[in-house]
């Protein structure tokens, strides 16, 4: 609310003030959009990290199984 009042005061004082006020209004409008985009990027990064962890875990399990099978074949 305070931002809207300060923006309204700036609109009535000369062309430079109007440009400044328009820029401030635009930036205030973009702020929630930017926060949303950042949160989406964080979720995306978390998903990639989780996928990478699961992938590594799967590789380790597969390597363990292969080693166990090789050991059984050697013992037989």
C-alpha atoms as a PDB file:
ATOM      1  CA  UNK A   1       0.000   0.000   0.000  1.00  0.00           C
ATOM      2  CA  UNK A   2       2.774   2.447   0.850  1.00  0.00           C
ATOM      3  CA  UNK A   3       4.417   1.783  -2.517  1.00  0.00           C
ATOM      4  CA  UNK A   4       1.224   2.711  -4.341  1.00  0.00           C
ATOM      5  CA  UNK A   5       0.934   6.011  -2.471  1.00  0.00           C
ATOM      6  CA  UNK A   6       4.543   6.966  -3.158  1.00  0.00           C
ATOM      7  CA  UNK A   7       4.104   6.058  -6.833  1.00  0.00           C
ATOM      8  CA  UNK A   8       0.969   8.187  -7.070  1.00  0.00           C
ATOM      9  CA  UNK A   9       2.826  11.160  -5.569  1.00  0.00           C
ATOM     10  CA  UNK A  10       5.640  10.823  -8.093  1.00  0.00           C
ATOM     11  CA  UNK A  11       3.327  10.773 -11.115  1.00  0.00           C
ATOM     12  CA  UNK A  12       2.318  14.427 -10.838  1.00  0.00           C
ATOM     13  CA  UNK A  13       5.762  16.092 -10.840  1.00  0.00           C
ATOM     14  CA  UNK A  14       7.418  16.577 -14.218  1.00  0.00           C
ATOM     15  CA  UNK A  15       8.470  14.192 -16.967  1.00  0.00           C
ATOM     16  CA  UNK A  16      11.481  12.730 -15.130  1.00  0.00           C
ATOM     17  CA  UNK A  17       9.367  11.979 -12.096  1.00  0.00           C
ATOM     18  CA  UNK A  18       6.781  10.301 -14.319  1.00  0.00           C
ATOM     19  CA  UNK A  19       9.426   8.087 -15.894  1.00  0.00           C
ATOM     20  CA  UNK A  20      10.797   7.253 -12.459  1.00  0.00           C
ATOM     21  CA  UNK A  21       7.302   6.512 -11.193  1.00  0.00           C
ATOM     22  CA  UNK A  22       6.482   4.363 -14.219  1.00  0.00           C
ATOM     23  CA  UNK A  23       9.706   2.433 -13.715  1.00  0.00           C
ATOM     24  CA  UNK A  24       8.915   1.946 -10.022  1.00  0.00           C
ATOM     25  CA  UNK A  25       5.408   0.753 -10.834  1.00  0.00           C
ATOM     26  CA  UNK A  26       6.785  -1.661 -13.435  1.00  0.00           C
ATOM     27  CA  UNK A  27       9.376  -3.019 -11.040  1.00  0.00           C
ATOM     28  CA  UNK A  28       6.738  -3.472  -8.343  1.00  0.00           C
ATOM     29  CA  UNK A  29       4.635  -5.405 -10.835  1.00  0.00           C
ATOM     30  CA  UNK A  30       7.576  -7.611 -11.836  1.00  0.00           C
ATOM     31  CA  UNK A  31       8.640  -8.465  -8.291  1.00  0.00           C
ATOM     32  CA  UNK A  32       6.043 -11.214  -7.647  1.00  0.00           C
ATOM     33  CA  UNK A  33       6.648 -12.655 -11.111  1.00  0.00           C
ATOM     34  CA  UNK A  34      10.374 -12.835 -10.445  1.00  0.00           C
ATOM     35  CA  UNK A  35       9.785 -14.477  -7.054  1.00  0.00           C
ATOM     36  CA  UNK A  36       7.595 -17.079  -8.741  1.00  0.00           C
ATOM     37  CA  UNK A  37      10.198 -17.768 -11.418  1.00  0.00           C
ATOM     38  CA  UNK A  38      12.941 -18.136  -8.807  1.00  0.00           C
ATOM     39  CA  UNK A  39      10.820 -20.565  -6.814  1.00  0.00           C
ATOM     40  CA  UNK A  40      10.145 -22.594  -9.974  1.00  0.00           C
ATOM     41  CA  UNK A  41      13.879 -22.700 -10.749  1.00  0.00           C
ATOM     42  CA  UNK A  42      14.590 -23.888  -7.214  1.00  0.00           C
ATOM     43  CA  UNK A  43      12.011 -26.669  -7.554  1.00  0.00           C
ATOM     44  CA  UNK A  44      13.509 -27.635 -10.919  1.00  0.00           C
ATOM     45  CA  UNK A  45      17.026 -27.721  -9.447  1.00  0.00           C
ATOM     46  CA  UNK A  46      15.834 -29.826  -6.497  1.00  0.00           C
ATOM     47  CA  UNK A  47      14.197 -32.287  -8.886  1.00  0.00           C
ATOM     48  CA  UNK A  48      17.394 -32.580 -10.916  1.00  0.00           C
ATOM     49  CA  UNK A  49      19.445 -33.159  -7.771  1.00  0.00           C
ATOM     50  CA  UNK A  50      17.001 -35.841  -6.620  1.00  0.00           C
ATOM     51  CA  UNK A  51      17.122 -37.504 -10.032  1.00  0.00           C
ATOM     52  CA  UNK A  52      20.938 -37.439 -10.003  1.00  0.00           C
ATOM     53  CA  UNK A  53      20.999 -38.982  -6.531  1.00  0.00           C
ATOM     54  CA  UNK A  54      18.595 -41.740  -7.549  1.00  0.00           C
ATOM     55  CA  UNK A  55      20.617 -42.364 -10.712  1.00  0.00           C
ATOM     56  CA  UNK A  56      23.866 -42.718  -8.745  1.00  0.00           C
ATOM     57  CA  UNK A  57      22.152 -44.995  -6.231  1.00  0.00           C
ATOM     58  CA  UNK A  58      20.868 -47.168  -9.073  1.00  0.00           C
ATOM     59  CA  UNK A  59      24.341 -47.363 -10.608  1.00  0.00           C
ATOM     60  CA  UNK A  60      25.858 -48.406  -7.295  1.00  0.00           C
ATOM     61  CA  UNK A  61      23.205 -51.091  -6.789  1.00  0.00           C
ATOM     62  CA  UNK A  62      23.729 -52.382 -10.319  1.00  0.00           C
ATOM     63  CA  UNK A  63      27.502 -52.482  -9.841  1.00  0.00           C
ATOM     64  CA  UNK A  64      27.058 -54.399  -6.586  1.00  0.00           C
ATOM     65  CA  UNK A  65      24.763 -56.947  -8.237  1.00  0.00           C
ATOM     66  CA  UNK A  66      27.188 -57.434 -11.139  1.00  0.00           C
ATOM     67  CA  UNK A  67      30.096 -57.918  -8.741  1.00  0.00           C
ATOM     68  CA  UNK A  68      28.117 -60.492  -6.749  1.00  0.00           C
ATOM     69  CA  UNK A  69      27.248 -62.400  -9.934  1.00  0.00           C
ATOM     70  CA  UNK A  70      30.884 -62.378 -11.070  1.00  0.00           C
ATOM     71  CA  UNK A  71      31.980 -63.665  -7.679  1.00  0.00           C
ATOM     72  CA  UNK A  72      29.413 -66.498  -7.890  1.00  0.00           C
ATOM     73  CA  UNK A  73      30.584 -67.411 -11.385  1.00  0.00           C
ATOM     74  CA  UNK A  74      34.202 -67.467 -10.269  1.00  0.00           C
ATOM     75  CA  UNK A  75      33.363 -69.633  -7.263  1.00  0.00           C
ATOM     76  CA  UNK A  76      31.458 -72.147  -9.420  1.00  0.00           C
END
